[in-house]
């Protein structure tokens, strides 16, 4: 008998998977009516899960996506604070934070 419940195996996320997840989250968060008080609506996670499965395979579930976001959120909060500080920016090609020379470091 086949188990249809969520897998308890850990999922190791690759950089392309994370990049695609972030892209999907940004796209869906900008759509009217997709946000609720606590974040994104449940149907958004269902749509994101389907897109992740279509692109990367069946190991993705709504729970695994939400879990990844829960553990990534503290890092994203720090990055957002850095980007909101005057003199800092992000280089999407090299995937690095950039700063003006007055801070002494030009890449982070």
N, C-alpha and C. Protein backbone atom coordinates (compact mmCIF):
# COMPACT_ATOMS: atom_id res chain seq x y z
N UNK A 1 0.84 -1.18 0.00
CA UNK A 1 0.00 0.00 0.00
C UNK A 1 0.88 1.25 0.00
N UNK A 2 0.58 2.19 -0.87
CA UNK A 2 1.39 3.38 -1.03
C UNK A 2 1.00 4.44 0.00
N UNK A 3 1.99 5.07 0.62
CA UNK A 3 1.76 6.11 1.61
C UNK A 3 1.53 7.43 0.89
N UNK A 4 0.38 8.07 1.14
CA UNK A 4 0.08 9.33 0.48
C UNK A 4 0.33 10.52 1.39
N UNK A 5 0.79 10.28 2.62
CA UNK A 5 1.06 11.36 3.57
C UNK A 5 2.36 12.04 3.27
N UNK A 6 2.64 13.14 3.99
CA UNK A 6 3.88 13.87 3.75
C UNK A 6 5.10 13.05 4.14
N UNK A 7 6.15 13.23 3.38
CA UNK A 7 7.40 12.52 3.65
C UNK A 7 8.08 13.12 4.87
N UNK A 8 8.66 12.28 5.71
CA UNK A 8 9.37 12.76 6.90
C UNK A 8 10.87 12.92 6.62
N UNK A 9 11.29 12.63 5.41
CA UNK A 9 12.70 12.76 5.07
C UNK A 9 13.07 14.24 4.94
N UNK A 10 14.28 14.57 5.36
CA UNK A 10 14.76 15.94 5.22
C UNK A 10 15.03 16.22 3.75
N UNK A 11 14.81 17.45 3.38
CA UNK A 11 15.05 17.89 2.02
C UNK A 11 16.22 18.87 2.04
N UNK A 12 17.25 18.56 1.28
CA UNK A 12 18.38 19.47 1.16
C UNK A 12 18.13 20.34 -0.07
N UNK A 13 17.97 21.63 0.20
CA UNK A 13 17.64 22.57 -0.86
C UNK A 13 18.90 22.98 -1.62
N UNK A 14 18.78 22.99 -2.95
CA UNK A 14 19.88 23.46 -3.78
C UNK A 14 19.69 24.96 -4.05
N UNK A 15 20.72 25.61 -4.53
CA UNK A 15 20.63 27.03 -4.84
C UNK A 15 19.57 27.31 -5.91
N UNK A 16 19.51 26.52 -7.01
CA UNK A 16 18.45 26.77 -8.01
C UNK A 16 17.05 26.59 -7.42
N UNK A 17 16.87 25.65 -6.51
CA UNK A 17 15.56 25.45 -5.89
C UNK A 17 15.19 26.66 -5.04
N UNK A 18 16.14 27.16 -4.24
CA UNK A 18 15.87 28.34 -3.42
C UNK A 18 15.60 29.56 -4.28
N UNK A 19 16.37 29.74 -5.34
CA UNK A 19 16.17 30.87 -6.25
C UNK A 19 14.76 30.83 -6.85
N UNK A 20 14.35 29.64 -7.27
CA UNK A 20 13.02 29.48 -7.88
C UNK A 20 11.93 29.72 -6.85
N UNK A 21 12.13 29.23 -5.62
CA UNK A 21 11.15 29.44 -4.56
C UNK A 21 10.99 30.94 -4.28
N UNK A 22 12.09 31.65 -4.17
CA UNK A 22 12.03 33.09 -3.92
C UNK A 22 11.33 33.80 -5.08
N UNK A 23 11.64 33.41 -6.30
CA UNK A 23 11.00 34.00 -7.48
C UNK A 23 9.48 33.79 -7.41
N UNK A 24 9.05 32.57 -7.08
CA UNK A 24 7.62 32.27 -6.98
C UNK A 24 6.96 33.08 -5.86
N UNK A 25 7.63 33.18 -4.72
CA UNK A 25 7.09 33.94 -3.59
C UNK A 25 6.91 35.41 -3.95
N UNK A 26 7.90 35.98 -4.62
CA UNK A 26 7.80 37.38 -5.02
C UNK A 26 6.65 37.57 -6.01
N UNK A 27 6.57 36.71 -7.01
CA UNK A 27 5.50 36.81 -8.01
C UNK A 27 4.12 36.74 -7.35
N UNK A 28 3.93 35.77 -6.49
CA UNK A 28 2.61 35.57 -5.88
C UNK A 28 2.28 36.64 -4.84
N UNK A 29 3.29 37.15 -4.15
CA UNK A 29 3.02 38.19 -3.15
C UNK A 29 2.61 39.50 -3.81
N UNK A 30 2.95 39.69 -5.06
CA UNK A 30 2.59 40.91 -5.78
C UNK A 30 1.21 40.82 -6.44
N UNK A 31 0.63 39.63 -6.47
CA UNK A 31 -0.69 39.46 -7.06
C UNK A 31 -1.77 39.96 -6.10
N UNK A 32 -2.74 40.71 -6.62
CA UNK A 32 -3.81 41.19 -5.74
C UNK A 32 -4.58 40.04 -5.09
N UNK A 33 -4.86 40.18 -3.81
CA UNK A 33 -5.68 39.20 -3.10
C UNK A 33 -4.95 37.94 -2.65
N UNK A 34 -3.63 37.89 -2.77
CA UNK A 34 -2.88 36.69 -2.39
C UNK A 34 -2.32 36.76 -0.98
N UNK A 35 -2.42 37.91 -0.33
CA UNK A 35 -1.89 38.05 1.03
C UNK A 35 -3.04 38.02 2.03
N UNK A 36 -2.76 37.46 3.19
CA UNK A 36 -3.69 37.52 4.31
C UNK A 36 -2.96 38.17 5.47
N UNK A 37 -3.62 38.29 6.59
CA UNK A 37 -3.01 38.96 7.75
C UNK A 37 -1.72 38.27 8.17
N UNK A 38 -1.67 36.95 8.17
CA UNK A 38 -0.50 36.22 8.62
C UNK A 38 0.53 35.93 7.55
N UNK A 39 0.35 36.43 6.35
CA UNK A 39 1.29 36.15 5.27
C UNK A 39 0.56 35.86 3.98
N UNK A 40 0.98 34.81 3.30
CA UNK A 40 0.34 34.43 2.05
C UNK A 40 -0.83 33.48 2.30
N UNK A 41 -1.79 33.50 1.42
CA UNK A 41 -2.95 32.61 1.55
C UNK A 41 -2.54 31.18 1.23
N UNK A 42 -3.31 30.24 1.77
CA UNK A 42 -3.02 28.81 1.62
C UNK A 42 -2.94 28.39 0.15
N UNK A 43 -3.81 28.96 -0.69
CA UNK A 43 -3.80 28.57 -2.10
C UNK A 43 -2.50 28.95 -2.80
N UNK A 44 -1.81 29.97 -2.28
CA UNK A 44 -0.50 30.35 -2.84
C UNK A 44 0.50 29.23 -2.62
N UNK A 45 0.51 28.68 -1.41
CA UNK A 45 1.44 27.58 -1.12
C UNK A 45 1.12 26.35 -1.96
N UNK A 46 -0.15 26.11 -2.23
CA UNK A 46 -0.55 24.99 -3.09
C UNK A 46 -0.01 25.20 -4.50
N UNK A 47 -0.14 26.42 -5.00
CA UNK A 47 0.35 26.74 -6.35
C UNK A 47 1.87 26.66 -6.41
N UNK A 48 2.54 27.18 -5.38
CA UNK A 48 4.00 27.13 -5.34
C UNK A 48 4.48 25.69 -5.28
N UNK A 49 3.83 24.87 -4.45
CA UNK A 49 4.19 23.44 -4.35
C UNK A 49 4.09 22.78 -5.72
N UNK A 50 2.99 23.03 -6.45
CA UNK A 50 2.82 22.43 -7.77
C UNK A 50 3.94 22.86 -8.71
N UNK A 51 4.30 24.14 -8.68
CA UNK A 51 5.37 24.64 -9.54
C UNK A 51 6.71 24.00 -9.19
N UNK A 52 6.99 23.86 -7.88
CA UNK A 52 8.24 23.23 -7.44
C UNK A 52 8.28 21.76 -7.86
N UNK A 53 7.16 21.05 -7.71
CA UNK A 53 7.10 19.64 -8.11
C UNK A 53 7.30 19.51 -9.61
N UNK A 54 6.63 20.38 -10.38
CA UNK A 54 6.76 20.33 -11.84
C UNK A 54 8.20 20.55 -12.29
N UNK A 55 8.89 21.44 -11.61
CA UNK A 55 10.26 21.79 -12.04
C UNK A 55 11.33 20.87 -11.45
N UNK A 56 11.16 20.44 -10.18
CA UNK A 56 12.24 19.73 -9.49
C UNK A 56 11.91 18.31 -9.03
N UNK A 57 10.66 17.91 -9.09
CA UNK A 57 10.32 16.55 -8.68
C UNK A 57 9.38 16.48 -7.49
N UNK A 58 8.94 15.28 -7.15
CA UNK A 58 7.85 15.09 -6.17
C UNK A 58 8.23 15.25 -4.70
N UNK A 59 9.48 15.56 -4.38
CA UNK A 59 9.87 15.62 -2.96
C UNK A 59 9.37 16.88 -2.25
N UNK A 60 8.76 17.80 -2.95
CA UNK A 60 8.29 19.05 -2.34
C UNK A 60 6.85 18.91 -1.86
N UNK A 61 6.60 19.49 -0.68
CA UNK A 61 5.25 19.54 -0.12
C UNK A 61 5.04 20.93 0.46
N UNK A 62 3.78 21.27 0.73
CA UNK A 62 3.50 22.58 1.35
C UNK A 62 4.22 22.70 2.68
N UNK A 63 4.24 21.60 3.46
CA UNK A 63 4.91 21.63 4.76
C UNK A 63 6.41 21.89 4.62
N UNK A 64 7.05 21.27 3.64
CA UNK A 64 8.49 21.47 3.45
C UNK A 64 8.80 22.89 3.00
N UNK A 65 7.93 23.45 2.18
CA UNK A 65 8.13 24.83 1.72
C UNK A 65 7.95 25.79 2.90
N UNK A 66 6.90 25.59 3.68
CA UNK A 66 6.66 26.47 4.84
C UNK A 66 7.78 26.32 5.86
N UNK A 67 8.27 25.11 6.06
CA UNK A 67 9.37 24.88 7.00
C UNK A 67 10.64 25.60 6.54
N UNK A 68 10.93 25.54 5.25
CA UNK A 68 12.12 26.22 4.72
C UNK A 68 11.99 27.73 4.94
N UNK A 69 10.80 28.26 4.73
CA UNK A 69 10.59 29.69 4.93
C UNK A 69 10.73 30.06 6.40
N UNK A 70 10.25 29.21 7.28
CA UNK A 70 10.34 29.48 8.72
C UNK A 70 11.79 29.58 9.17
N UNK A 71 12.63 28.69 8.66
CA UNK A 71 14.04 28.70 9.06
C UNK A 71 14.88 29.70 8.27
N UNK A 72 14.39 30.16 7.14
CA UNK A 72 15.12 31.16 6.34
C UNK A 72 14.76 32.58 6.73
N UNK A 73 13.62 32.76 7.37
CA UNK A 73 13.12 34.10 7.68
C UNK A 73 14.09 34.95 8.49
N UNK A 74 14.75 34.42 9.55
CA UNK A 74 15.70 35.27 10.28
C UNK A 74 16.82 35.81 9.39
N UNK A 75 17.33 34.99 8.47
CA UNK A 75 18.38 35.45 7.55
C UNK A 75 17.84 36.50 6.59
N UNK A 76 16.61 36.31 6.12
CA UNK A 76 16.02 37.27 5.20
C UNK A 76 15.77 38.60 5.90
N UNK A 77 15.43 38.56 7.18
CA UNK A 77 15.20 39.78 7.95
C UNK A 77 16.49 40.58 8.06
N UNK A 78 17.59 39.91 8.33
CA UNK A 78 18.88 40.59 8.41
C UNK A 78 19.25 41.20 7.06
N UNK A 79 19.05 40.45 5.98
CA UNK A 79 19.37 40.97 4.65
C UNK A 79 18.51 42.19 4.33
N UNK A 80 17.23 42.15 4.71
CA UNK A 80 16.35 43.28 4.45
C UNK A 80 16.82 44.51 5.21
N UNK A 81 17.25 44.34 6.46
CA UNK A 81 17.76 45.46 7.25
C UNK A 81 19.01 46.05 6.60
N UNK A 82 19.90 45.19 6.10
CA UNK A 82 21.11 45.67 5.44
C UNK A 82 20.74 46.47 4.19
N UNK A 83 19.82 45.94 3.38
CA UNK A 83 19.45 46.62 2.15
C UNK A 83 18.73 47.95 2.41
N UNK A 84 18.05 48.05 3.55
CA UNK A 84 17.35 49.29 3.88
C UNK A 84 18.28 50.34 4.49
N UNK A 85 19.53 49.97 4.74
CA UNK A 85 20.51 50.91 5.27
C UNK A 85 21.13 51.68 4.10
N UNK A 86 21.22 52.97 4.25
CA UNK A 86 21.77 53.81 3.20
C UNK A 86 23.20 53.37 2.87
N UNK A 87 23.48 53.26 1.58
CA UNK A 87 24.83 52.91 1.15
C UNK A 87 25.01 51.44 0.83
N UNK A 88 23.95 50.63 1.02
CA UNK A 88 24.05 49.19 0.73
C UNK A 88 23.10 48.82 -0.40
N UNK A 89 23.50 47.85 -1.19
CA UNK A 89 22.68 47.35 -2.29
C UNK A 89 22.99 45.89 -2.52
N UNK A 90 22.33 45.28 -3.50
CA UNK A 90 22.52 43.87 -3.81
C UNK A 90 22.85 43.73 -5.29
N UNK A 91 23.88 42.94 -5.58
CA UNK A 91 24.29 42.64 -6.94
C UNK A 91 23.71 41.27 -7.29
N UNK A 92 22.61 41.21 -8.07
CA UNK A 92 21.97 39.93 -8.36
C UNK A 92 22.79 39.02 -9.28
N UNK A 93 23.69 39.59 -10.04
CA UNK A 93 24.50 38.77 -10.94
C UNK A 93 25.53 37.97 -10.14
N UNK A 94 26.24 38.66 -9.24
CA UNK A 94 27.26 37.99 -8.43
C UNK A 94 26.71 37.49 -7.09
N UNK A 95 25.43 37.83 -6.80
CA UNK A 95 24.76 37.43 -5.57
C UNK A 95 25.55 37.86 -4.33
N UNK A 96 25.87 39.16 -4.31
CA UNK A 96 26.62 39.76 -3.21
C UNK A 96 25.97 41.07 -2.79
N UNK A 97 26.13 41.40 -1.51
CA UNK A 97 25.76 42.73 -1.04
C UNK A 97 26.89 43.67 -1.41
N UNK A 98 26.54 44.88 -1.79
CA UNK A 98 27.52 45.91 -2.14
C UNK A 98 27.33 47.09 -1.20
N UNK A 99 28.42 47.75 -0.89
CA UNK A 99 28.33 48.96 -0.06
C UNK A 99 29.16 50.06 -0.70
N UNK A 100 28.90 51.26 -0.25
CA UNK A 100 29.71 52.37 -0.72
C UNK A 100 31.06 52.32 -0.02
N UNK A 101 32.10 52.92 -0.59
CA UNK A 101 33.44 52.87 0.02
C UNK A 101 33.51 53.44 1.44
N UNK A 102 32.55 54.29 1.84
CA UNK A 102 32.63 54.90 3.17
C UNK A 102 32.53 53.86 4.29
N UNK A 103 31.99 52.67 3.99
CA UNK A 103 31.88 51.61 4.99
C UNK A 103 33.12 50.71 5.04
N UNK A 104 34.05 50.92 4.12
CA UNK A 104 35.30 50.19 4.15
C UNK A 104 35.27 48.84 3.47
N UNK A 105 34.11 48.29 3.24
CA UNK A 105 33.97 46.99 2.58
C UNK A 105 33.07 47.21 1.38
N UNK A 106 33.48 46.73 0.21
CA UNK A 106 32.64 46.95 -0.96
C UNK A 106 31.80 45.75 -1.33
N UNK A 107 32.14 44.56 -0.83
CA UNK A 107 31.29 43.39 -1.05
C UNK A 107 31.18 42.62 0.24
N UNK A 108 30.01 42.04 0.47
CA UNK A 108 29.77 41.24 1.68
C UNK A 108 29.35 39.85 1.30
